[in-house]
Structure formats: C-alpha cells, structure tokens
Amino acid sequence: MSDNYLLNMYEKALKLPAGRKLFSMVFSRKAPYFATITPIISELRPNFCEVKFKKRKGVENHIQTVHVIAICNALECAMGAMAESSVPKHLRWIPKGMDVNYTAKATSDITATAEANPEDWKPGNLPVTVKAMRDDGTVVVEGTINLWISEKPAKSS
C-alpha cells in the first residue's frame, strides 16, 4: 500500500464491482464541476492520471463535437488526481494557469491524460503535460497546466 490517501482509495475501489466508477464519483465531489462531464478515472499512479468521458449531448457544442471547455474540465480533473496522488507530504499545490492548443475536432469519446516528472515536485512552478485524444488516438487538445508548489505551513502546537 502507498502512503498516499488518494492512491489507497483508488486501489481499494478497484477491488469493488464498478470500483472505477465509484471512485470517480467520489473524487468528483472534491470539485463538483468535474461531475458535469461524468468522468471515469481509468488509470491513476504517481505522476500520471488518465480520465475518460463520453461524447453526449450535454458536452457538445453547436457543431456536435465535444466542447473544448468540457475537454479542459477533463484535463483539469486528470491533473488534480495526478497532483493529489503525487505531491510529497511536505508540499502543497495549486493550479495557476492552463495553456492549451486545439489540434483536431473532438468527434468521439475523450481520453484525457496528465503527467508530471517526479523530480519536478519542489517549491516553484511545475508544468504538467496534458493531452486529450479521440477514440482513434488523434490528439484533439494538448498543452500544459502550470502548478505552483509550495511548502506546507508549519503546524502550530
């Protein structure tokens, strides 16, 4: 077992029927806006997370492709789970910006990933690589979410 609460929750959930779905619903309650895309966290490990969501009417734009804001929501969901499962215990994180490029039409279900380098978990800026792909593997959005990493304040006695 890991010493990280989120990874432990994920591993326990995987042992249950529909565990990924259950875990994803619980995680989405941390930031309720995530629930608008009904994400499924399909893979979670230190420094990596993969989130999937279905193309459906509620996430489409006027040309019936997946709206880029829904995709950015999935990217931030993946980044948040990745960060929370990776940050060293003495540090904390907060997102400070997102820079993305739209590279193709999102015409199918979406898989979003977030990945960081383990050696980058130190105070200062941490660029997290994010990308979203269609079912055929075509990248539809790619970019970076920048995190600000800082020391946790000392606990007062």
N, C-alpha and C. Protein backbone atom coordinates (compact mmCIF):
# COMPACT_ATOMS: atom_id res chain seq x y z
N MET A 1 0.83 -1.21 0.00
CA MET A 1 0.00 0.00 0.00
C MET A 1 0.86 1.25 0.00
N SER A 2 0.36 2.25 -0.63
CA SER A 2 1.03 3.54 -0.72
C SER A 2 0.84 4.32 0.59
N ASP A 3 1.64 5.36 0.77
CA ASP A 3 1.40 6.25 1.90
C ASP A 3 0.56 7.45 1.48
N ASN A 4 -0.02 7.38 0.27
CA ASN A 4 -0.86 8.45 -0.24
C ASN A 4 -2.34 8.04 -0.13
N TYR A 5 -3.14 8.90 0.51
CA TYR A 5 -4.55 8.57 0.75
C TYR A 5 -5.34 8.34 -0.54
N LEU A 6 -5.07 9.12 -1.58
CA LEU A 6 -5.85 9.00 -2.81
C LEU A 6 -5.51 7.70 -3.55
N LEU A 7 -4.24 7.37 -3.63
CA LEU A 7 -3.85 6.11 -4.26
C LEU A 7 -4.41 4.93 -3.49
N ASN A 8 -4.42 5.01 -2.17
CA ASN A 8 -5.00 3.93 -1.36
C ASN A 8 -6.50 3.78 -1.63
N MET A 9 -7.21 4.91 -1.70
CA MET A 9 -8.64 4.87 -2.02
C MET A 9 -8.88 4.24 -3.38
N TYR A 10 -8.07 4.62 -4.35
CA TYR A 10 -8.20 4.10 -5.72
C TYR A 10 -7.98 2.59 -5.73
N GLU A 11 -6.91 2.13 -5.10
CA GLU A 11 -6.62 0.70 -5.07
C GLU A 11 -7.73 -0.09 -4.38
N LYS A 12 -8.28 0.44 -3.30
CA LYS A 12 -9.39 -0.22 -2.61
C LYS A 12 -10.63 -0.26 -3.50
N ALA A 13 -10.90 0.85 -4.18
CA ALA A 13 -12.08 0.92 -5.05
C ALA A 13 -11.99 -0.07 -6.20
N LEU A 14 -10.80 -0.29 -6.72
CA LEU A 14 -10.64 -1.21 -7.86
C LEU A 14 -11.06 -2.64 -7.50
N LYS A 15 -11.07 -2.96 -6.22
CA LYS A 15 -11.45 -4.31 -5.78
C LYS A 15 -12.97 -4.49 -5.72
N LEU A 16 -13.70 -3.40 -5.87
CA LEU A 16 -15.17 -3.44 -5.79
C LEU A 16 -15.78 -3.52 -7.18
N PRO A 17 -17.00 -4.09 -7.28
CA PRO A 17 -17.71 -4.00 -8.57
C PRO A 17 -17.94 -2.52 -8.92
N ALA A 18 -17.70 -2.18 -10.14
CA ALA A 18 -17.83 -0.78 -10.61
C ALA A 18 -16.96 0.17 -9.78
N GLY A 19 -15.82 -0.31 -9.32
CA GLY A 19 -14.94 0.47 -8.45
C GLY A 19 -14.42 1.75 -9.07
N ARG A 20 -14.04 1.71 -10.35
CA ARG A 20 -13.55 2.92 -11.01
C ARG A 20 -14.64 3.99 -11.05
N LYS A 21 -15.85 3.55 -11.37
CA LYS A 21 -16.97 4.49 -11.44
C LYS A 21 -17.25 5.08 -10.06
N LEU A 22 -17.27 4.25 -9.05
CA LEU A 22 -17.49 4.70 -7.68
C LEU A 22 -16.41 5.68 -7.23
N PHE A 23 -15.15 5.32 -7.46
CA PHE A 23 -14.04 6.20 -7.10
C PHE A 23 -14.16 7.54 -7.82
N SER A 24 -14.47 7.50 -9.10
CA SER A 24 -14.57 8.72 -9.91
C SER A 24 -15.68 9.63 -9.40
N MET A 25 -16.80 9.03 -9.00
CA MET A 25 -17.91 9.83 -8.45
C MET A 25 -17.48 10.50 -7.14
N VAL A 26 -16.80 9.77 -6.28
CA VAL A 26 -16.34 10.33 -5.00
C VAL A 26 -15.32 11.44 -5.27
N PHE A 27 -14.38 11.19 -6.17
CA PHE A 27 -13.36 12.21 -6.49
C PHE A 27 -14.02 13.46 -7.05
N SER A 28 -15.03 13.30 -7.89
CA SER A 28 -15.71 14.45 -8.50
C SER A 28 -16.39 15.33 -7.46
N ARG A 29 -16.67 14.81 -6.30
CA ARG A 29 -17.28 15.63 -5.25
C ARG A 29 -16.30 16.64 -4.67
N LYS A 30 -14.98 16.40 -4.82
CA LYS A 30 -13.97 17.35 -4.35
C LYS A 30 -14.09 18.67 -5.11
N ALA A 31 -14.38 18.59 -6.38
CA ALA A 31 -14.60 19.76 -7.23
C ALA A 31 -15.84 19.45 -8.06
N PRO A 32 -17.02 19.79 -7.55
CA PRO A 32 -18.28 19.34 -8.17
C PRO A 32 -18.42 19.62 -9.67
N TYR A 33 -17.72 20.61 -10.18
CA TYR A 33 -17.81 20.89 -11.61
C TYR A 33 -17.32 19.71 -12.45
N PHE A 34 -16.39 18.91 -11.90
CA PHE A 34 -15.91 17.73 -12.63
C PHE A 34 -17.07 16.82 -13.02
N ALA A 35 -18.08 16.74 -12.16
CA ALA A 35 -19.21 15.82 -12.41
C ALA A 35 -19.98 16.17 -13.68
N THR A 36 -19.84 17.38 -14.20
CA THR A 36 -20.59 17.77 -15.40
C THR A 36 -20.19 16.96 -16.63
N ILE A 37 -19.00 16.36 -16.59
CA ILE A 37 -18.57 15.53 -17.73
C ILE A 37 -18.71 14.04 -17.42
N THR A 38 -19.10 13.70 -16.20
CA THR A 38 -19.20 12.31 -15.75
C THR A 38 -17.90 11.55 -16.05
N PRO A 39 -16.81 11.98 -15.44
CA PRO A 39 -15.51 11.37 -15.74
C PRO A 39 -15.35 10.00 -15.10
N ILE A 40 -14.54 9.17 -15.74
CA ILE A 40 -14.10 7.91 -15.16
C ILE A 40 -12.57 7.97 -15.10
N ILE A 41 -12.04 7.87 -13.90
CA ILE A 41 -10.59 7.84 -13.74
C ILE A 41 -10.17 6.41 -14.02
N SER A 42 -9.61 6.19 -15.21
CA SER A 42 -9.31 4.84 -15.67
C SER A 42 -7.93 4.37 -15.27
N GLU A 43 -7.03 5.30 -14.98
CA GLU A 43 -5.69 4.94 -14.50
C GLU A 43 -5.18 6.06 -13.60
N LEU A 44 -4.63 5.66 -12.46
CA LEU A 44 -4.06 6.62 -11.53
C LEU A 44 -2.84 6.00 -10.88
N ARG A 45 -1.73 6.69 -11.03
CA ARG A 45 -0.48 6.29 -10.37
C ARG A 45 0.32 7.55 -10.14
N PRO A 46 1.36 7.49 -9.31
CA PRO A 46 2.14 8.70 -9.11
C PRO A 46 2.60 9.30 -10.44
N ASN A 47 2.38 10.59 -10.58
CA ASN A 47 2.81 11.37 -11.74
C ASN A 47 2.07 11.08 -13.04
N PHE A 48 0.93 10.35 -12.96
CA PHE A 48 0.15 10.08 -14.16
C PHE A 48 -1.30 9.81 -13.80
N CYS A 49 -2.21 10.37 -14.62
CA CYS A 49 -3.63 10.05 -14.48
C CYS A 49 -4.27 10.08 -15.87
N GLU A 50 -5.21 9.13 -16.07
CA GLU A 50 -5.99 9.08 -17.29
C GLU A 50 -7.47 9.14 -16.92
N VAL A 51 -8.19 10.03 -17.59
CA VAL A 51 -9.62 10.23 -17.36
C VAL A 51 -10.33 10.05 -18.69
N LYS A 52 -11.47 9.34 -18.65
CA LYS A 52 -12.28 9.16 -19.86
C LYS A 52 -13.67 9.73 -19.63
N PHE A 53 -14.26 10.25 -20.70
CA PHE A 53 -15.67 10.64 -20.64
C PHE A 53 -16.31 10.48 -22.01
N LYS A 54 -17.63 10.29 -21.97
CA LYS A 54 -18.40 10.00 -23.17
C LYS A 54 -18.81 11.27 -23.90
N LYS A 55 -18.81 11.19 -25.22
CA LYS A 55 -19.39 12.25 -26.06
C LYS A 55 -20.90 12.07 -25.96
N ARG A 56 -21.57 13.09 -25.49
CA ARG A 56 -23.04 13.07 -25.35
C ARG A 56 -23.53 14.50 -25.51
N LYS A 57 -24.82 14.66 -25.66
CA LYS A 57 -25.42 15.97 -25.91
C LYS A 57 -24.96 17.03 -24.90
N GLY A 58 -24.86 16.66 -23.63
CA GLY A 58 -24.52 17.63 -22.59
C GLY A 58 -23.12 18.20 -22.65
N VAL A 59 -22.24 17.60 -23.46
CA VAL A 59 -20.86 18.12 -23.58
C VAL A 59 -20.54 18.57 -25.00
N GLU A 60 -21.55 18.62 -25.87
CA GLU A 60 -21.32 19.01 -27.26
C GLU A 60 -21.48 20.51 -27.46
N ASN A 61 -20.88 20.98 -28.54
CA ASN A 61 -21.03 22.38 -28.95
C ASN A 61 -22.02 22.47 -30.13
N HIS A 62 -22.07 23.62 -30.77
CA HIS A 62 -23.03 23.85 -31.85
C HIS A 62 -22.77 23.03 -33.11
N ILE A 63 -21.58 22.44 -33.26
CA ILE A 63 -21.29 21.61 -34.43
C ILE A 63 -21.23 20.11 -34.05
N GLN A 64 -21.78 19.79 -32.89
CA GLN A 64 -21.89 18.41 -32.41
C GLN A 64 -20.54 17.71 -32.18
N THR A 65 -19.52 18.50 -31.87
CA THR A 65 -18.27 17.91 -31.39
C THR A 65 -18.18 18.20 -29.90
N VAL A 66 -17.27 17.53 -29.21
CA VAL A 66 -17.13 17.75 -27.78
C VAL A 66 -16.56 19.15 -27.56
N HIS A 67 -17.24 19.93 -26.74
CA HIS A 67 -16.82 21.30 -26.47
C HIS A 67 -15.47 21.31 -25.77
N VAL A 68 -14.62 22.23 -26.17
CA VAL A 68 -13.27 22.27 -25.63
C VAL A 68 -13.27 22.57 -24.13
N ILE A 69 -14.26 23.26 -23.63
CA ILE A 69 -14.31 23.53 -22.19
C ILE A 69 -14.58 22.24 -21.42
N ALA A 70 -15.40 21.35 -21.98
CA ALA A 70 -15.59 20.03 -21.36
C ALA A 70 -14.27 19.25 -21.36
N ILE A 71 -13.53 19.37 -22.45
CA ILE A 71 -12.23 18.70 -22.52
C ILE A 71 -11.26 19.30 -21.51
N CYS A 72 -11.23 20.61 -21.39
CA CYS A 72 -10.37 21.25 -20.39
C CYS A 72 -10.76 20.83 -18.97
N ASN A 73 -12.04 20.63 -18.74
CA ASN A 73 -12.51 20.14 -17.45
C ASN A 73 -11.91 18.76 -17.18
N ALA A 74 -11.91 17.88 -18.19
CA ALA A 74 -11.31 16.55 -18.03
C ALA A 74 -9.80 16.65 -17.80
N LEU A 75 -9.15 17.56 -18.50
CA LEU A 75 -7.71 17.75 -18.31
C LEU A 75 -7.41 18.20 -16.88
N GLU A 76 -8.23 19.12 -16.37
CA GLU A 76 -8.01 19.59 -15.01
C GLU A 76 -8.34 18.49 -13.99
N CYS A 77 -9.34 17.68 -14.27
CA CYS A 77 -9.67 16.54 -13.41
C CYS A 77 -8.47 15.58 -13.35
N ALA A 78 -7.92 15.25 -14.50
CA ALA A 78 -6.75 14.35 -14.56
C ALA A 78 -5.56 14.97 -13.82
N MET A 79 -5.34 16.26 -14.05
CA MET A 79 -4.23 16.94 -13.37
C MET A 79 -4.44 16.91 -11.86
N GLY A 80 -5.65 17.18 -11.39
CA GLY A 80 -5.92 17.23 -9.97
C GLY A 80 -5.69 15.89 -9.29
N ALA A 81 -6.18 14.82 -9.90
CA ALA A 81 -5.96 13.48 -9.33
C ALA A 81 -4.48 13.13 -9.37
N MET A 82 -3.81 13.43 -10.47
CA MET A 82 -2.38 13.15 -10.58
C MET A 82 -1.61 13.92 -9.51
N ALA A 83 -1.91 15.21 -9.35
CA ALA A 83 -1.19 16.04 -8.39
C ALA A 83 -1.43 15.56 -6.96
N GLU A 84 -2.68 15.29 -6.65
CA GLU A 84 -3.01 14.88 -5.28
C GLU A 84 -2.42 13.52 -4.93
N SER A 85 -2.22 12.68 -5.93
CA SER A 85 -1.64 11.36 -5.67
C SER A 85 -0.11 11.37 -5.76
N SER A 86 0.48 12.50 -6.10
CA SER A 86 1.92 12.58 -6.32
C SER A 86 2.66 13.54 -5.41
N VAL A 87 2.00 14.57 -4.94
CA VAL A 87 2.67 15.63 -4.19
C VAL A 87 3.29 15.06 -2.90
N PRO A 88 4.56 15.36 -2.65
CA PRO A 88 5.17 14.92 -1.39
C PRO A 88 4.41 15.52 -0.20
N LYS A 89 4.43 14.81 0.90
CA LYS A 89 3.63 15.19 2.08
C LYS A 89 3.95 16.58 2.62
N HIS A 90 5.17 17.08 2.43
CA HIS A 90 5.56 18.38 2.99
C HIS A 90 5.24 19.55 2.05
N LEU A 91 4.67 19.22 0.87
CA LEU A 91 4.36 20.26 -0.12
C LEU A 91 2.86 20.33 -0.38
N ARG A 92 2.44 21.43 -0.99
CA ARG A 92 1.06 21.60 -1.43
C ARG A 92 1.10 22.21 -2.84
N TRP A 93 -0.04 22.14 -3.52
CA TRP A 93 -0.10 22.60 -4.91
C TRP A 93 -1.38 23.39 -5.14
N ILE A 94 -1.30 24.25 -6.14
CA ILE A 94 -2.48 24.97 -6.61
C ILE A 94 -2.26 25.28 -8.10
N PRO A 95 -3.29 25.10 -8.93
CA PRO A 95 -3.11 25.44 -10.34
C PRO A 95 -3.03 26.96 -10.50
N LYS A 96 -2.16 27.38 -11.43
CA LYS A 96 -2.06 28.82 -11.65
C LYS A 96 -2.26 29.22 -13.10
N GLY A 97 -2.49 28.25 -13.96
CA GLY A 97 -2.77 28.60 -15.35
C GLY A 97 -2.80 27.38 -16.24
N MET A 98 -3.48 27.56 -17.37
CA MET A 98 -3.60 26.48 -18.35
C MET A 98 -3.33 27.08 -19.72
N ASP A 99 -2.50 26.41 -20.49
CA ASP A 99 -2.19 26.84 -21.85
C ASP A 99 -2.43 25.64 -22.76
N VAL A 100 -3.48 25.71 -23.58
CA VAL A 100 -3.83 24.56 -24.42
C VAL A 100 -3.98 24.98 -25.88
N ASN A 101 -3.76 24.02 -26.75
CA ASN A 101 -3.96 24.19 -28.18
C ASN A 101 -4.99 23.17 -28.65
N TYR A 102 -5.90 23.61 -29.50
CA TYR A 102 -6.91 22.74 -30.08
C TYR A 102 -6.33 22.23 -31.39
N THR A 103 -6.15 20.94 -31.50
CA THR A 103 -5.42 20.39 -32.65
C THR A 103 -6.29 19.61 -33.64
N ALA A 104 -7.49 19.20 -33.22
CA ALA A 104 -8.39 18.45 -34.11
C ALA A 104 -9.79 18.49 -33.53
N LYS A 105 -10.78 18.17 -34.36
CA LYS A 105 -12.16 18.10 -33.87
C LYS A 105 -12.32 16.91 -32.95
N ALA A 106 -13.07 17.11 -31.87
CA ALA A 106 -13.33 16.06 -30.88
C ALA A 106 -14.65 15.39 -31.23
N THR A 107 -14.58 14.36 -32.05
CA THR A 107 -15.78 13.74 -32.63
C THR A 107 -16.17 12.42 -31.98
N SER A 108 -15.55 12.08 -30.85
CA SER A 108 -15.85 10.80 -30.19
C SER A 108 -15.71 10.96 -28.68
N ASP A 109 -15.81 9.85 -27.96
CA ASP A 109 -15.48 9.87 -26.54
C ASP A 109 -14.06 10.39 -26.39
N ILE A 110 -13.73 10.89 -25.19
CA ILE A 110 -12.44 11.55 -24.97
C ILE A 110 -11.66 10.84 -23.86
N THR A 111 -10.35 10.72 -24.08
CA THR A 111 -9.41 10.26 -23.06
C THR A 111 -8.45 11.41 -22.79
N ALA A 112 -8.40 11.84 -21.53
CA ALA A 112 -7.53 12.95 -21.14
C ALA A 112 -6.45 12.42 -20.20
N THR A 113 -5.23 12.91 -20.38
CA THR A 113 -4.13 12.50 -19.50
C THR A 113 -3.40 13.70 -18.94
N ALA A 114 -2.82 13.49 -17.77
CA ALA A 114 -1.95 14.50 -17.14
C ALA A 114 -0.73 13.76 -16.63
N GLU A 115 0.45 14.36 -16.87
CA GLU A 115 1.70 13.70 -16.49
C GLU A 115 2.71 14.74 -16.02
N ALA A 116 3.43 14.39 -14.96
CA ALA A 116 4.47 15.25 -14.42
C ALA A 116 5.75 14.44 -14.24
N ASN A 117 6.87 15.13 -14.20
CA ASN A 117 8.15 14.48 -13.92
C ASN A 117 8.35 14.39 -12.42
N PRO A 118 8.67 13.21 -11.89
CA PRO A 118 8.82 13.05 -10.44
C PRO A 118 9.82 14.02 -9.82
N GLU A 119 10.89 14.32 -10.53
CA GLU A 119 11.93 15.21 -9.97
C GLU A 119 11.50 16.67 -9.90
N ASP A 120 10.37 17.02 -10.50
CA ASP A 120 9.90 18.41 -10.51
C ASP A 120 9.07 18.80 -9.29
N TRP A 121 8.80 17.85 -8.39
CA TRP A 121 8.00 18.16 -7.20
C TRP A 121 8.87 18.86 -6.16
N LYS A 122 9.04 20.16 -6.38
CA LYS A 122 9.78 21.02 -5.44
C LYS A 122 9.16 22.40 -5.51
N PRO A 123 9.37 23.23 -4.48
CA PRO A 123 8.75 24.55 -4.50
C PRO A 123 9.06 25.33 -5.79
N GLY A 124 8.02 25.97 -6.30
CA GLY A 124 8.13 26.75 -7.53
C GLY A 124 7.11 26.27 -8.56
N ASN A 125 7.37 26.59 -9.81
CA ASN A 125 6.47 26.23 -10.90
C ASN A 125 6.68 24.78 -11.32
N LEU A 126 5.58 24.07 -11.51
CA LEU A 126 5.64 22.70 -12.01
C LEU A 126 4.73 22.60 -13.23
N PRO A 127 5.30 22.44 -14.44
CA PRO A 127 4.47 22.29 -15.63
C PRO A 127 3.98 20.85 -15.75
N VAL A 128 2.67 20.68 -15.87
CA VAL A 128 2.06 19.36 -16.04
C VAL A 128 1.63 19.23 -17.50
N THR A 129 2.11 18.21 -18.17
CA THR A 129 1.76 17.96 -19.56
C THR A 129 0.38 17.33 -19.62
N VAL A 130 -0.50 17.92 -20.41
CA VAL A 130 -1.86 17.39 -20.56
C VAL A 130 -2.18 17.20 -22.04
N LYS A 131 -2.98 16.16 -22.30
CA LYS A 131 -3.46 15.98 -23.67
C LYS A 131 -4.77 15.21 -23.63
N ALA A 132 -5.56 15.42 -24.67
CA ALA A 132 -6.85 14.74 -24.82
C ALA A 132 -6.89 14.14 -26.22
N MET A 133 -7.42 12.91 -26.28
CA MET A 133 -7.45 12.18 -27.54
C MET A 133 -8.85 11.64 -27.84
N ARG A 134 -9.13 11.51 -29.12
CA ARG A 134 -10.34 10.82 -29.58
C ARG A 134 -10.12 9.32 -29.46
N ASP A 135 -11.17 8.56 -29.73
CA ASP A 135 -11.09 7.10 -29.71
C ASP A 135 -10.05 6.54 -30.68
N ASP A 136 -9.83 7.24 -31.79
CA ASP A 136 -8.86 6.74 -32.78
C ASP A 136 -7.42 7.13 -32.45
N GLY A 137 -7.20 7.77 -31.29
CA GLY A 137 -5.86 8.15 -30.87
C GLY A 137 -5.42 9.54 -31.31
N THR A 138 -6.22 10.20 -32.12
CA THR A 138 -5.88 11.56 -32.57
C THR A 138 -5.94 12.52 -31.40
N VAL A 139 -4.87 13.30 -31.22
CA VAL A 139 -4.84 14.31 -30.15
C VAL A 139 -5.72 15.48 -30.57
N VAL A 140 -6.68 15.84 -29.70
CA VAL A 140 -7.59 16.94 -30.00
C VAL A 140 -7.26 18.20 -29.22
N VAL A 141 -6.64 18.05 -28.06
CA VAL A 141 -6.18 19.19 -27.26
C VAL A 141 -4.88 18.75 -26.59
N GLU A 142 -3.91 19.66 -26.56
CA GLU A 142 -2.65 19.39 -25.85
C GLU A 142 -2.16 20.69 -25.24
N GLY A 143 -1.41 20.56 -24.17
CA GLY A 143 -0.89 21.76 -23.54
C GLY A 143 -0.27 21.49 -22.19
N THR A 144 -0.31 22.52 -21.37
CA THR A 144 0.32 22.49 -20.05
C THR A 144 -0.59 23.15 -19.03
N ILE A 145 -0.69 22.53 -17.87
CA ILE A 145 -1.30 23.18 -16.71
C ILE A 145 -0.16 23.45 -15.75
N ASN A 146 0.03 24.72 -15.42
CA ASN A 146 1.11 25.09 -14.50
C ASN A 146 0.60 25.08 -13.07
N LEU A 147 1.34 24.39 -12.21
CA LEU A 147 1.03 24.35 -10.79
C LEU A 147 2.04 25.19 -10.03
N TRP A 148 1.60 25.79 -8.94
CA TRP A 148 2.51 26.45 -8.02
C TRP A 148 2.66 25.51 -6.83
N ILE A 149 3.90 25.11 -6.58
CA ILE A 149 4.22 24.19 -5.49
C ILE A 149 4.86 24.99 -4.37
N SER A 150 4.37 24.78 -3.15
CA SER A 150 4.97 25.48 -2.00
C SER A 150 5.02 24.54 -0.79
N GLU A 151 5.83 24.93 0.17
CA GLU A 151 5.93 24.18 1.43
C GLU A 151 4.64 24.35 2.20
N LYS A 152 4.20 23.29 2.87
CA LYS A 152 3.04 23.41 3.76
C LYS A 152 3.49 24.24 4.96
N PRO A 153 2.60 25.10 5.47
CA PRO A 153 2.99 25.88 6.65
C PRO A 153 3.17 24.94 7.84
N ALA A 154 4.06 25.32 8.73
CA ALA A 154 4.30 24.53 9.94
C ALA A 154 3.03 24.51 10.79
N LYS A 155 2.73 23.35 11.36
CA LYS A 155 1.56 23.25 12.23
C LYS A 155 1.89 23.88 13.57
N SER A 156 0.95 24.70 14.05
CA SER A 156 1.18 25.32 15.37
C SER A 156 0.79 24.33 16.46
N SER A 157 1.52 24.37 17.55
CA SER A 157 1.28 23.42 18.64
C SER A 157 0.18 23.88 19.57
